[in-house]
Amino acid sequence: MNSQDPLQTIIQAWTTRSAPVGIPALADAARKRHAGVAAVLFYGSCLRRGRADEGIADLYLLVDDYRVAFDSGFKAVMNRLLPPNVFYLETPWEGRTLRAKYAVLTLDNFEKGARSWFHSYIWGRFAQPSGLIYTRDRDASDRIHQALAWSVRTFVRRALPQAPDIFTARELWSTGLSLSYRCELRSEGPDTAARLVDAAPDYYTAVTREALGDILLPVEPLPGGPPLRYRLNASAAQKRRNHFAWRLRQVQGKCLSALRLLKALLTFENGLDYVLWKIERHSNVRVEVSPLLRRLPPLAVPVIFWKLFRKGAFR
């Protein structure tokens, strides 16, 4: 880690906190399925609750190479063409069953996603607090913390023009998280984004302060507080261009999310059930699948997606 970067210092303090009991067991079980794992990250609702035995934990396995990570050339190709591949995992732990869904991504792709991907898939997730459950060596740890810092900077830079002209860290992140949700198959409103920020207010206050120092847009802190307020002096043209970019992300994101769900039908067992569960969880739309369609997944795909579209699942 670059000791001169205060943002990385803040992020490292959060990623190295003790993980909820059971999460290391899930990380170990996921690692045993793949070769060449450089690190395992933990994020999402189970991290916010501090519990691994309630719900499904979210993990990211960062690997060296897809060909090494998979025993299937097909899965490696699919992960390279449309990253990441997502899998479901169950493991016994102290008389209970722990569950996780985990994504597989190369460390190189993770760095690119944090720094330069147009879509918010990586930087929208990992600008939020996460935990580094396993790392192979110091080099991998340094690269991950640098990528997490890039995620924060990318998020702030791209969300900032949509924030109010005078804003707090909470308002900035609530705005940005709400925008990034709209770029996927999700129906969460602004209240959900605000609750995410309220789950770790110290984190968002600290990273906002550091990230705003790197922003090219004119931002100035205002006297008073707490909470600390900032003034944004962006032009109307800058705000319009940024708004248009987010509209493009929404179109791109809906398409990519649908394609990733289709890919899940091909890359792991019970993929159809996962797809239906995923869509119902994020859109509250449920579709029943006949036994015939279950026996013919290629036929099921267009039928199911047409029904979901008619019911408004892809908003």
Protein backbone atom coordinates (compact mmCIF):
# COMPACT_ATOMS: atom_id res chain seq x y z
CA MET A 1 0.00 0.00 0.00
CA ASN A 2 1.16 3.51 -0.78
CA SER A 3 1.57 5.01 2.69
CA GLN A 4 1.28 8.50 1.17
CA ASP A 5 -2.32 7.94 0.06
CA PRO A 6 -4.70 8.77 2.93
CA LEU A 7 -7.65 7.26 1.05
CA GLN A 8 -5.97 3.85 0.87
CA THR A 9 -5.15 4.12 4.56
CA ILE A 10 -8.82 4.68 5.40
CA ILE A 11 -9.91 1.80 3.17
CA GLN A 12 -7.35 -0.61 4.60
CA ALA A 13 -8.60 0.11 8.12
CA TRP A 14 -12.06 -1.02 7.00
CA THR A 15 -11.05 -4.05 4.92
CA THR A 16 -8.92 -5.53 7.72
CA ARG A 17 -11.60 -5.44 10.40
CA SER A 18 -12.59 -8.81 11.85
CA ALA A 19 -14.97 -10.64 9.55
CA PRO A 20 -18.23 -12.08 10.89
CA VAL A 21 -17.78 -15.63 12.14
CA GLY A 22 -18.38 -18.12 9.35
CA ILE A 23 -17.24 -15.89 6.50
CA PRO A 24 -13.68 -17.32 6.47
CA ALA A 25 -15.22 -20.80 6.18
CA LEU A 26 -17.21 -19.73 3.14
CA ALA A 27 -14.13 -18.10 1.61
CA ASP A 28 -12.10 -21.27 2.15
CA ALA A 29 -14.83 -23.42 0.57
CA ALA A 30 -14.97 -21.14 -2.48
CA ARG A 31 -11.18 -21.12 -2.84
CA LYS A 32 -11.11 -24.93 -2.92
CA ARG A 33 -13.20 -24.84 -6.09
CA HIS A 34 -10.71 -22.76 -8.08
CA ALA A 35 -6.97 -22.57 -8.67
CA GLY A 36 -4.89 -19.40 -8.75
CA VAL A 37 -6.94 -17.38 -6.26
CA ALA A 38 -5.11 -14.19 -5.30
CA ALA A 39 -7.71 -12.79 -2.88
CA VAL A 40 -11.26 -13.05 -1.58
CA LEU A 41 -13.38 -9.95 -0.89
CA PHE A 42 -16.57 -9.86 1.16
CA TYR A 43 -19.25 -7.18 0.78
CA GLY A 44 -22.97 -6.61 0.84
CA SER A 45 -25.82 -7.09 3.29
CA CYS A 46 -24.19 -9.79 5.44
CA LEU A 47 -21.20 -7.49 5.98
CA ARG A 48 -23.50 -4.64 7.02
CA ARG A 49 -25.41 -6.90 9.44
CA GLY A 50 -22.25 -8.55 10.73
CA ARG A 51 -23.82 -12.01 10.33
CA ALA A 52 -22.93 -14.86 8.00
CA ASP A 53 -25.73 -17.22 9.06
CA GLU A 54 -28.57 -14.99 7.92
CA GLY A 55 -29.11 -14.65 4.20
CA ILE A 56 -26.60 -15.26 1.45
CA ALA A 57 -23.10 -13.79 1.78
CA ASP A 58 -21.56 -11.97 -1.18
CA LEU A 59 -17.97 -12.87 -2.07
CA TYR A 60 -15.57 -11.98 -4.89
CA LEU A 61 -12.77 -14.36 -5.82
CA LEU A 62 -9.97 -12.52 -7.59
CA VAL A 63 -7.91 -14.94 -9.67
CA ASP A 64 -4.81 -14.80 -11.84
CA ASP A 65 -6.22 -16.32 -15.01
CA TYR A 66 -9.60 -17.73 -16.04
CA ARG A 67 -8.04 -20.73 -17.77
CA VAL A 68 -6.31 -21.67 -14.52
CA ALA A 69 -9.30 -20.92 -12.28
CA PHE A 70 -11.76 -23.20 -14.10
CA ASP A 71 -11.65 -26.87 -14.99
CA SER A 72 -13.95 -26.03 -17.90
CA GLY A 73 -12.72 -24.17 -20.95
CA PHE A 74 -16.30 -23.08 -21.66
CA LYS A 75 -16.66 -21.40 -18.26
CA ALA A 76 -13.29 -19.70 -18.73
CA VAL A 77 -14.37 -18.32 -22.11
CA MET A 78 -17.71 -17.12 -20.74
CA ASN A 79 -15.99 -15.39 -17.82
CA ARG A 80 -13.63 -13.64 -20.21
CA LEU A 81 -16.38 -12.55 -22.63
CA LEU A 82 -18.84 -11.33 -19.99
CA PRO A 83 -17.25 -11.09 -16.56
CA PRO A 84 -17.87 -12.14 -13.90
CA ASN A 85 -19.19 -15.69 -13.61
CA VAL A 86 -21.36 -16.09 -10.51
CA PHE A 87 -21.80 -19.29 -8.48
CA TYR A 88 -23.79 -20.50 -5.49
CA LEU A 89 -22.13 -22.19 -2.51
CA GLU A 90 -23.26 -23.98 0.63
CA THR A 91 -20.95 -25.23 3.37
CA PRO A 92 -21.59 -26.78 6.80
CA TRP A 93 -20.39 -24.79 9.79
CA GLU A 94 -20.91 -25.55 13.47
CA GLY A 95 -24.08 -27.52 12.86
CA ARG A 96 -25.53 -24.96 10.47
CA THR A 97 -25.44 -24.36 6.74
CA LEU A 98 -23.79 -21.20 5.47
CA ARG A 99 -24.63 -19.89 2.02
CA ALA A 100 -22.87 -17.57 -0.39
CA LYS A 101 -22.94 -16.44 -3.96
CA TYR A 102 -19.54 -15.58 -5.27
CA ALA A 103 -18.23 -13.95 -8.42
CA VAL A 104 -14.97 -14.86 -10.16
CA LEU A 105 -12.92 -12.08 -11.73
CA THR A 106 -9.25 -11.70 -12.56
CA LEU A 107 -7.34 -9.19 -10.50
CA ASP A 108 -6.49 -7.37 -13.74
CA ASN A 109 -10.19 -7.04 -14.63
CA PHE A 110 -10.99 -5.92 -11.10
CA GLU A 111 -8.44 -3.10 -11.39
CA LYS A 112 -9.79 -2.05 -14.80
CA GLY A 113 -13.37 -2.18 -13.54
CA ALA A 114 -12.51 0.05 -10.59
CA ARG A 115 -10.62 2.61 -12.62
CA SER A 116 -11.92 2.77 -16.17
CA TRP A 117 -15.07 0.73 -16.85
CA PHE A 118 -17.89 2.97 -18.05
CA HIS A 119 -20.48 0.89 -16.25
CA SER A 120 -20.69 1.02 -12.45
CA TYR A 121 -20.68 -2.77 -11.93
CA ILE A 122 -17.34 -2.80 -10.07
CA TRP A 123 -16.77 0.75 -8.85
CA GLY A 124 -20.38 1.10 -7.73
CA ARG A 125 -20.04 -1.97 -5.50
CA PHE A 126 -16.54 -1.58 -4.19
CA ALA A 127 -16.65 2.11 -3.44
CA GLN A 128 -18.75 0.82 -0.53
CA PRO A 129 -17.17 -0.85 2.52
CA SER A 130 -15.79 -4.34 1.96
CA GLY A 131 -13.67 -6.88 3.79
CA LEU A 132 -10.49 -8.56 2.54
CA ILE A 133 -10.97 -12.10 3.85
CA TYR A 134 -7.97 -13.71 2.16
CA THR A 135 -4.96 -12.43 0.28
CA ARG A 136 -2.13 -14.49 -1.12
CA ASP A 137 0.67 -12.00 -0.59
CA ARG A 138 1.57 -8.35 -0.02
CA ASP A 139 1.55 -7.50 -3.73
CA ALA A 140 -2.03 -8.73 -4.15
CA SER A 141 -3.09 -6.83 -1.02
CA ASP A 142 -1.52 -3.60 -2.29
CA ARG A 143 -3.16 -3.93 -5.69
CA ILE A 144 -6.57 -4.57 -4.16
CA HIS A 145 -6.40 -1.60 -1.80
CA GLN A 146 -5.31 0.62 -4.67
CA ALA A 147 -8.24 -0.67 -6.77
CA LEU A 148 -10.67 -0.02 -3.92
CA ALA A 149 -9.36 3.55 -3.69
CA TRP A 150 -9.87 3.89 -7.46
CA SER A 151 -13.45 2.67 -7.00
CA VAL A 152 -14.15 5.46 -4.51
CA ARG A 153 -12.57 8.12 -6.72
CA THR A 154 -14.38 6.89 -9.83
CA PHE A 155 -17.70 6.77 -7.98
CA VAL A 156 -17.35 10.27 -6.52
CA ARG A 157 -16.19 11.77 -9.82
CA ARG A 158 -19.11 10.30 -11.77
CA ALA A 159 -21.82 10.84 -9.13
CA LEU A 160 -20.82 14.36 -8.11
CA PRO A 161 -22.47 16.34 -10.96
CA GLN A 162 -25.84 14.80 -10.03
CA ALA A 163 -25.61 15.83 -6.38
CA PRO A 164 -27.26 19.02 -5.07
CA ASP A 165 -25.19 22.18 -5.50
CA ILE A 166 -24.72 22.21 -1.72
CA PHE A 167 -24.42 18.68 -0.41
CA THR A 168 -23.22 16.45 2.41
CA ALA A 169 -21.41 13.14 2.06
CA ARG A 170 -24.69 11.38 2.80
CA GLU A 171 -26.47 13.22 -0.01
CA LEU A 172 -23.66 12.57 -2.48
CA TRP A 173 -23.52 8.84 -1.81
CA SER A 174 -27.30 8.42 -1.63
CA THR A 175 -27.53 10.06 -5.05
CA GLY A 176 -24.74 7.98 -6.57
CA LEU A 177 -25.88 4.64 -5.13
CA SER A 178 -29.42 5.26 -6.31
CA LEU A 179 -28.08 5.98 -9.82
CA SER A 180 -25.96 2.84 -9.85
CA TYR A 181 -28.93 0.70 -8.73
CA ARG A 182 -30.86 1.92 -11.76
CA CYS A 183 -28.10 0.53 -13.98
CA GLU A 184 -28.94 -3.05 -12.95
CA LEU A 185 -32.03 -5.21 -12.54
CA ARG A 186 -33.05 -3.49 -9.33
CA SER A 187 -36.09 -1.58 -8.14
CA GLU A 188 -34.67 -0.08 -4.93
CA GLY A 189 -35.51 3.56 -4.37
CA PRO A 190 -33.56 6.44 -2.83
CA ASP A 191 -34.46 5.26 0.69
CA THR A 192 -32.52 2.05 0.16
CA ALA A 193 -29.43 3.95 -0.95
CA ALA A 194 -29.69 6.24 2.07
CA ARG A 195 -29.87 3.23 4.40
CA LEU A 196 -26.65 1.88 2.91
CA VAL A 197 -24.90 5.15 3.70
CA ASP A 198 -26.36 5.26 7.20
CA ALA A 199 -24.93 1.79 7.88
CA ALA A 200 -21.35 3.22 7.77
CA PRO A 201 -21.51 7.03 8.09
CA ASP A 202 -17.92 7.37 9.34
CA TYR A 203 -16.61 5.53 6.29
CA TYR A 204 -18.50 7.68 3.79
CA THR A 205 -17.59 10.91 5.55
CA ALA A 206 -13.90 10.01 5.58
CA VAL A 207 -13.57 8.75 2.00
CA THR A 208 -15.59 11.67 0.63
CA ARG A 209 -13.25 14.16 2.25
CA GLU A 210 -10.20 12.52 0.70
CA ALA A 211 -11.71 11.75 -2.72
CA LEU A 212 -12.99 15.28 -3.28
CA GLY A 213 -9.41 16.52 -3.13
CA ASP A 214 -8.73 14.63 -6.39
CA ILE A 215 -11.78 15.84 -8.31
CA LEU A 216 -11.26 18.19 -11.25
CA LEU A 217 -14.69 19.74 -10.74
CA PRO A 218 -14.63 22.81 -8.48
CA VAL A 219 -15.78 21.74 -5.01
CA GLU A 220 -15.26 23.69 -1.81
CA PRO A 221 -16.01 22.79 1.83
CA LEU A 222 -18.31 25.18 3.62
CA PRO A 223 -17.90 26.41 7.19
CA GLY A 224 -20.07 24.97 9.92
CA GLY A 225 -21.33 21.49 10.60
CA PRO A 226 -21.36 18.71 11.39
CA PRO A 227 -22.23 17.34 9.01
CA LEU A 228 -19.65 18.91 6.73
CA ARG A 229 -21.22 20.50 3.68
CA TYR A 230 -19.68 21.13 0.27
CA ARG A 231 -20.52 23.46 -2.60
CA LEU A 232 -20.28 22.21 -6.18
CA ASN A 233 -19.70 24.80 -8.88
CA ALA A 234 -20.36 22.64 -11.93
CA SER A 235 -21.71 24.23 -15.11
CA ALA A 236 -25.07 23.31 -16.58
CA ALA A 237 -23.29 21.74 -19.55
CA GLN A 238 -21.21 19.51 -17.26
CA LYS A 239 -24.34 18.37 -15.46
CA ARG A 240 -26.14 17.62 -18.75
CA ARG A 241 -23.22 15.55 -20.08
CA ASN A 242 -23.03 13.63 -16.83
CA HIS A 243 -26.79 13.01 -16.83
CA PHE A 244 -26.57 11.66 -20.38
CA ALA A 245 -23.73 9.34 -19.35
CA TRP A 246 -25.85 7.90 -16.55
CA ARG A 247 -28.72 7.35 -18.98
CA LEU A 248 -26.35 5.39 -21.21
CA ARG A 249 -25.18 3.35 -18.21
CA GLN A 250 -28.78 2.45 -17.46
CA VAL A 251 -29.32 1.09 -20.97
CA GLN A 252 -25.97 -0.70 -20.97
CA GLY A 253 -26.48 -2.04 -17.46
CA LYS A 254 -29.94 -3.50 -18.11
CA CYS A 255 -28.61 -5.33 -21.16
CA LEU A 256 -25.51 -6.61 -19.37
CA SER A 257 -27.54 -7.73 -16.35
CA ALA A 258 -29.93 -9.69 -18.56
CA LEU A 259 -27.01 -11.29 -20.44
CA ARG A 260 -25.30 -12.26 -17.16
CA LEU A 261 -28.48 -13.94 -15.98
CA LEU A 262 -28.74 -15.82 -19.26
CA LYS A 263 -25.13 -16.88 -18.84
CA ALA A 264 -25.93 -18.20 -15.36
CA LEU A 265 -28.23 -20.76 -16.99
CA LEU A 266 -25.17 -22.23 -18.68
CA THR A 267 -22.43 -21.87 -16.10
CA PHE A 268 -23.73 -23.56 -12.96
CA GLU A 269 -26.19 -26.12 -11.62
CA ASN A 270 -29.77 -24.99 -11.01
CA GLY A 271 -29.09 -21.86 -13.02
CA LEU A 272 -32.75 -21.39 -13.94
CA ASP A 273 -33.78 -21.26 -10.28
CA TYR A 274 -30.99 -18.79 -9.56
CA VAL A 275 -32.13 -16.51 -12.39
CA LEU A 276 -35.72 -16.50 -11.19
CA TRP A 277 -34.70 -15.94 -7.56
CA LYS A 278 -32.38 -13.09 -8.56
CA ILE A 279 -35.03 -11.28 -10.57
CA GLU A 280 -37.74 -11.76 -7.93
CA ARG A 281 -35.39 -10.48 -5.22
CA HIS A 282 -34.62 -7.26 -7.06
CA SER A 283 -37.90 -6.58 -8.85
CA ASN A 284 -40.59 -8.36 -6.76
CA VAL A 285 -41.76 -10.05 -9.96
CA ARG A 286 -42.32 -13.82 -9.87
CA VAL A 287 -42.75 -16.14 -12.85
CA GLU A 288 -43.80 -19.78 -12.61
CA VAL A 289 -41.97 -22.22 -14.88
CA SER A 290 -43.69 -25.31 -16.25
CA PRO A 291 -42.02 -28.74 -16.07
CA LEU A 292 -41.66 -28.70 -19.87
CA LEU A 293 -39.70 -25.43 -19.83
CA ARG A 294 -37.50 -26.74 -17.02
CA ARG A 295 -36.52 -29.65 -19.24
CA LEU A 296 -35.72 -27.30 -22.15
CA PRO A 297 -33.70 -24.33 -20.80
CA PRO A 298 -32.95 -22.88 -24.29
CA LEU A 299 -36.70 -22.67 -24.92
CA ALA A 300 -37.37 -21.42 -21.40
CA VAL A 301 -35.10 -18.40 -21.74
CA PRO A 302 -37.09 -16.34 -24.30
CA VAL A 303 -40.44 -17.36 -22.77
CA ILE A 304 -39.42 -16.41 -19.23
CA PHE A 305 -37.81 -13.14 -20.23
CA TRP A 306 -40.86 -12.14 -22.26
CA LYS A 307 -43.11 -12.81 -19.26
CA LEU A 308 -40.77 -10.87 -17.00
CA PHE A 309 -40.68 -7.96 -19.43
CA ARG A 310 -44.50 -7.90 -19.62
CA LYS A 311 -44.65 -7.79 -15.80
CA GLY A 312 -42.18 -4.90 -15.60
CA ALA A 313 -39.21 -6.76 -14.10
CA PHE A 314 -36.67 -4.87 -16.25
CA ARG A 315 -37.30 -1.31 -15.16
